Amino acid sequence: MPWLVSGHPNFFLMLMHPEQRWADSVLEQLCEHAQMASELAATSFGPAQVQVTRTHAGRHPCVVLTLPRPTAPTEAFMIGLVQHGPPGEPEINHINLLNFTVELVDGDPPSAAFCEWEKDKTNHVNYGHGPVPSLDEFVAWMAKLVDSRPT
């Protein structure tokens, strides 16, 4: 699901919109995609089970999707989309989105991997394991990474 969201900048703009109907439309599409994929996975969920948080990761607009608790490795606890670029309103075709996830790592006890899907949607970078973060910890972690990069 992370690559689906990052591949469509209009999804990000709709999730950032203050009117809930726009976010609901995106969540319905994402959950339909997740349900198709769930024929192979253990988890399926609906839009009502996804929490949308509009915030900033450092100085960058950000949307965090908090998903139902994952049940299989590599499923995500949270997806963070960060608009990375100079301040202002970019054109829809020029939105640079960074896509971060907190994914389940199998183990006893289970832990989380902090990851990023790169723009080409083929590279999955794992920044390391740790306890499952809170929303605030995830946003702070994304801010630290994003603020250290040139725009």
C-alpha atoms as a PDB file:
ATOM      1  CA  MET A   1       0.000   0.000   0.000  1.00  0.00           C
ATOM      2  CA  PRO A   2       2.778   2.578   0.652  1.00  0.00           C
ATOM      3  CA  TRP A   3       3.880   2.607  -2.980  1.00  0.00           C
ATOM      4  CA  LEU A   4       0.259   3.029  -4.114  1.00  0.00           C
ATOM      5  CA  VAL A   5      -0.124   6.204  -2.070  1.00  0.00           C
ATOM      6  CA  SER A   6       3.231   7.716  -3.014  1.00  0.00           C
ATOM      7  CA  GLY A   7       2.605   7.094  -6.708  1.00  0.00           C
ATOM      8  CA  HIS A   8      -0.440   9.360  -6.721  1.00  0.00           C
ATOM      9  CA  PRO A   9       0.271  12.896  -5.459  1.00  0.00           C
ATOM     10  CA  ASN A  10      -3.440  13.661  -5.682  1.00  0.00           C
ATOM     11  CA  PHE A  11      -3.993  11.083  -2.896  1.00  0.00           C
ATOM     12  CA  PHE A  12      -1.668  13.114  -0.662  1.00  0.00           C
ATOM     13  CA  LEU A  13      -3.496  16.359  -1.465  1.00  0.00           C
ATOM     14  CA  MET A  14      -6.860  14.713  -0.802  1.00  0.00           C
ATOM     15  CA  LEU A  15      -5.624  13.319   2.527  1.00  0.00           C
ATOM     16  CA  MET A  16      -4.349  16.787   3.508  1.00  0.00           C
ATOM     17  CA  HIS A  17      -7.690  18.419   2.675  1.00  0.00           C
ATOM     18  CA  PRO A  18      -9.645  19.454   5.791  1.00  0.00           C
ATOM     19  CA  GLU A  19     -12.937  18.056   4.453  1.00  0.00           C
ATOM     20  CA  GLN A  20     -13.166  14.443   5.620  1.00  0.00           C
ATOM     21  CA  ARG A  21     -14.982  13.290   2.472  1.00  0.00           C
ATOM     22  CA  TRP A  22     -11.763  13.708   0.470  1.00  0.00           C
ATOM     23  CA  ALA A  23      -9.780  11.522   2.880  1.00  0.00           C
ATOM     24  CA  ASP A  24     -12.632   8.991   2.968  1.00  0.00           C
ATOM     25  CA  SER A  25     -12.479   8.670  -0.821  1.00  0.00           C
ATOM     26  CA  VAL A  26      -8.748   7.910  -0.719  1.00  0.00           C
ATOM     27  CA  LEU A  27      -9.138   5.476   2.188  1.00  0.00           C
ATOM     28  CA  GLU A  28     -11.854   3.562   0.342  1.00  0.00           C
ATOM     29  CA  GLN A  29      -9.545   3.131  -2.654  1.00  0.00           C
ATOM     30  CA  LEU A  30      -6.602   2.112  -0.474  1.00  0.00           C
ATOM     31  CA  CYS A  31      -8.662  -0.389   1.505  1.00  0.00           C
ATOM     32  CA  GLU A  32     -10.056  -1.915  -1.696  1.00  0.00           C
ATOM     33  CA  HIS A  33      -6.485  -2.388  -2.889  1.00  0.00           C
ATOM     34  CA  ALA A  34      -5.471  -3.835   0.489  1.00  0.00           C
ATOM     35  CA  GLN A  35      -8.408  -6.248   0.405  1.00  0.00           C
ATOM     36  CA  MET A  36      -7.389  -7.496  -3.042  1.00  0.00           C
ATOM     37  CA  ALA A  37      -3.883  -8.020  -1.686  1.00  0.00           C
ATOM     38  CA  SER A  38      -5.248  -9.587   1.511  1.00  0.00           C
ATOM     39  CA  GLU A  39      -6.178 -12.730  -0.358  1.00  0.00           C
ATOM     40  CA  LEU A  40      -2.482 -13.458   0.155  1.00  0.00           C
ATOM     41  CA  ALA A  41      -2.118 -11.654   3.501  1.00  0.00           C
ATOM     42  CA  ALA A  42      -3.626 -12.204   6.907  1.00  0.00           C
ATOM     43  CA  THR A  43      -5.098  -8.738   7.392  1.00  0.00           C
ATOM     44  CA  SER A  44      -7.897  -6.811   5.747  1.00  0.00           C
ATOM     45  CA  PHE A  45      -9.547  -3.649   7.024  1.00  0.00           C
ATOM     46  CA  GLY A  46     -11.899  -0.854   6.106  1.00  0.00           C
ATOM     47  CA  PRO A  47     -11.636   2.943   5.988  1.00  0.00           C
ATOM     48  CA  ALA A  48     -13.137   3.345   9.472  1.00  0.00           C
ATOM     49  CA  GLN A  49     -10.148   1.469  10.929  1.00  0.00           C
ATOM     50  CA  VAL A  50      -7.569   3.903   9.492  1.00  0.00           C
ATOM     51  CA  GLN A  51      -6.709   7.049  11.427  1.00  0.00           C
ATOM     52  CA  VAL A  52      -5.587  10.029   9.310  1.00  0.00           C
ATOM     53  CA  THR A  53      -3.353  12.588  11.029  1.00  0.00           C
ATOM     54  CA  ARG A  54      -2.427  15.815   9.235  1.00  0.00           C
ATOM     55  CA  THR A  55       0.731  17.292  10.729  1.00  0.00           C
ATOM     56  CA  HIS A  56       4.256  18.455   9.895  1.00  0.00           C
ATOM     57  CA  ALA A  57       7.468  16.442   9.948  1.00  0.00           C
ATOM     58  CA  GLY A  58       9.790  19.266  10.877  1.00  0.00           C
ATOM     59  CA  ARG A  59       8.912  22.051   8.461  1.00  0.00           C
ATOM     60  CA  HIS A  60       7.303  19.737   5.884  1.00  0.00           C
ATOM     61  CA  PRO A  61       3.570  18.962   5.483  1.00  0.00           C
ATOM     62  CA  CYS A  62       2.896  15.359   6.413  1.00  0.00           C
ATOM     63  CA  VAL A  63       0.052  12.850   6.558  1.00  0.00           C
ATOM     64  CA  VAL A  64       0.280   9.774   8.768  1.00  0.00           C
ATOM     65  CA  LEU A  65      -2.041   6.819   8.243  1.00  0.00           C
ATOM     66  CA  THR A  66      -2.295   4.692  11.381  1.00  0.00           C
ATOM     67  CA  LEU A  67      -3.444   1.236  10.347  1.00  0.00           C
ATOM     68  CA  PRO A  68      -4.912  -1.660  12.324  1.00  0.00           C
ATOM     69  CA  ARG A  69      -2.256  -3.656  14.173  1.00  0.00           C
ATOM     70  CA  PRO A  70      -0.372  -5.770  11.623  1.00  0.00           C
ATOM     71  CA  THR A  71      -0.424  -9.542  11.929  1.00  0.00           C
ATOM     72  CA  ALA A  72       2.358 -10.561   9.538  1.00  0.00           C
ATOM     73  CA  PRO A  73       5.944  -9.362   9.046  1.00  0.00           C
ATOM     74  CA  THR A  74       6.374  -6.352   6.748  1.00  0.00           C
ATOM     75  CA  GLU A  75       2.786  -5.197   7.251  1.00  0.00           C
ATOM     76  CA  ALA A  76       2.729  -1.577   8.406  1.00  0.00           C
ATOM     77  CA  PHE A  77       1.667  -0.054  11.705  1.00  0.00           C
ATOM     78  CA  MET A  78       1.871   3.420  10.139  1.00  0.00           C
ATOM     79  CA  ILE A  79       2.540   5.061   6.786  1.00  0.00           C
ATOM     80  CA  GLY A  80       3.960   8.578   6.682  1.00  0.00           C
ATOM     81  CA  LEU A  81       3.859  10.737   3.556  1.00  0.00           C
ATOM     82  CA  VAL A  82       6.001  13.848   3.700  1.00  0.00           C
ATOM     83  CA  GLN A  83       5.958  16.640   1.120  1.00  0.00           C
ATOM     84  CA  HIS A  84       9.632  17.418   0.613  1.00  0.00           C
ATOM     85  CA  GLY A  85      10.560  20.577  -1.210  1.00  0.00           C
ATOM     86  CA  PRO A  86      10.679  24.319  -0.924  1.00  0.00           C
ATOM     87  CA  PRO A  87       7.835  25.997   0.981  1.00  0.00           C
ATOM     88  CA  GLY A  88       4.715  26.895  -0.951  1.00  0.00           C
ATOM     89  CA  GLU A  89       2.073  25.211  -3.034  1.00  0.00           C
ATOM     90  CA  PRO A  90       3.688  22.948  -5.645  1.00  0.00           C
ATOM     91  CA  GLU A  91       1.911  21.960  -8.822  1.00  0.00           C
ATOM     92  CA  ILE A  92       0.357  18.513  -8.553  1.00  0.00           C
ATOM     93  CA  ASN A  93       2.828  17.022 -11.043  1.00  0.00           C
ATOM     94  CA  HIS A  94       5.772  18.412  -9.093  1.00  0.00           C
ATOM     95  CA  ILE A  95       5.009  17.181  -5.586  1.00  0.00           C
ATOM     96  CA  ASN A  96       8.000  15.378  -4.149  1.00  0.00           C
ATOM     97  CA  LEU A  97       6.628  12.833  -1.674  1.00  0.00           C
ATOM     98  CA  LEU A  98       8.757  10.815   0.697  1.00  0.00           C
ATOM     99  CA  ASN A  99       7.155   7.610   1.905  1.00  0.00           C
ATOM    100  CA  PHE A 100       8.013   6.183   5.323  1.00  0.00           C
ATOM    101  CA  THR A 101       6.629   3.157   7.143  1.00  0.00           C
ATOM    102  CA  VAL A 102       6.835   1.466  10.513  1.00  0.00           C
ATOM    103  CA  GLU A 103       6.605  -2.256   9.768  1.00  0.00           C
ATOM    104  CA  LEU A 104       6.147  -5.344  11.915  1.00  0.00           C
ATOM    105  CA  VAL A 105       9.261  -7.443  12.513  1.00  0.00           C
ATOM    106  CA  ASP A 106       8.689 -11.014  13.626  1.00  0.00           C
ATOM    107  CA  GLY A 107      10.225 -11.962  16.938  1.00  0.00           C
ATOM    108  CA  ASP A 108       9.534 -12.451  20.609  1.00  0.00           C
ATOM    109  CA  PRO A 109       8.458  -9.845  21.438  1.00  0.00           C
ATOM    110  CA  PRO A 110       7.600  -8.443  18.013  1.00  0.00           C
ATOM    111  CA  SER A 111       9.328  -5.189  17.130  1.00  0.00           C
ATOM    112  CA  ALA A 112       9.121  -2.546  14.436  1.00  0.00           C
ATOM    113  CA  ALA A 113      11.336  -1.634  11.494  1.00  0.00           C
ATOM    114  CA  PHE A 114      11.626   1.994  10.442  1.00  0.00           C
ATOM    115  CA  CYS A 115      11.612   2.010   6.643  1.00  0.00           C
ATOM    116  CA  GLU A 116      11.419   4.207   3.564  1.00  0.00           C
ATOM    117  CA  TRP A 117      10.176   3.407   0.090  1.00  0.00           C
ATOM    118  CA  GLU A 118      12.296   5.328  -2.389  1.00  0.00           C
ATOM    119  CA  LYS A 119      10.760   7.268  -5.276  1.00  0.00           C
ATOM    120  CA  ASP A 120      11.315   4.540  -7.843  1.00  0.00           C
ATOM    121  CA  LYS A 121       9.130   2.292  -5.647  1.00  0.00           C
ATOM    122  CA  THR A 122      11.626  -0.565  -5.933  1.00  0.00           C
ATOM    123  CA  ASN A 123      14.074   0.343  -3.165  1.00  0.00           C
ATOM    124  CA  HIS A 124      12.954  -0.386   0.367  1.00  0.00           C
ATOM    125  CA  VAL A 125      15.396   1.053   2.911  1.00  0.00           C
ATOM    126  CA  ASN A 126      15.379  -0.385   6.432  1.00  0.00           C
ATOM    127  CA  TYR A 127      16.790   2.098   8.963  1.00  0.00           C
ATOM    128  CA  GLY A 128      16.750  -0.357  11.859  1.00  0.00           C
ATOM    129  CA  HIS A 129      14.555  -1.981  14.468  1.00  0.00           C
ATOM    130  CA  GLY A 130      13.109  -0.779  17.712  1.00  0.00           C
ATOM    131  CA  PRO A 131       9.944  -0.760  19.764  1.00  0.00           C
ATOM    132  CA  VAL A 132       6.705   0.198  18.065  1.00  0.00           C
ATOM    133  CA  PRO A 133       6.700   3.998  18.176  1.00  0.00           C
ATOM    134  CA  SER A 134       3.923   6.347  19.110  1.00  0.00           C
ATOM    135  CA  LEU A 135       2.584   8.680  16.444  1.00  0.00           C
ATOM    136  CA  ASP A 136       4.672  11.534  17.873  1.00  0.00           C
ATOM    137  CA  GLU A 137       7.850   9.409  17.851  1.00  0.00           C
ATOM    138  CA  PHE A 138       7.246   8.383  14.227  1.00  0.00           C
ATOM    139  CA  VAL A 139       6.710  12.008  13.151  1.00  0.00           C
ATOM    140  CA  ALA A 140       9.859  13.123  15.031  1.00  0.00           C
ATOM    141  CA  TRP A 141      11.882  10.344  13.376  1.00  0.00           C
ATOM    142  CA  MET A 142      10.640  11.376   9.898  1.00  0.00           C
ATOM    143  CA  ALA A 143      11.387  15.044  10.664  1.00  0.00           C
ATOM    144  CA  LYS A 144      14.964  14.212  11.636  1.00  0.00           C
ATOM    145  CA  LEU A 145      15.543  12.381   8.351  1.00  0.00           C
ATOM    146  CA  VAL A 146      13.738  14.846   6.098  1.00  0.00           C
ATOM    147  CA  ASP A 147      15.174  18.008   7.656  1.00  0.00           C
ATOM    148  CA  SER A 148      18.699  16.664   7.096  1.00  0.00           C
ATOM    149  CA  ARG A 149      18.118  16.420   3.319  1.00  0.00           C
ATOM    150  CA  PRO A 150      18.474  19.250   0.831  1.00  0.00           C
ATOM    151  CA  THR A 151      15.196  20.418  -0.745  1.00  0.00           C
END
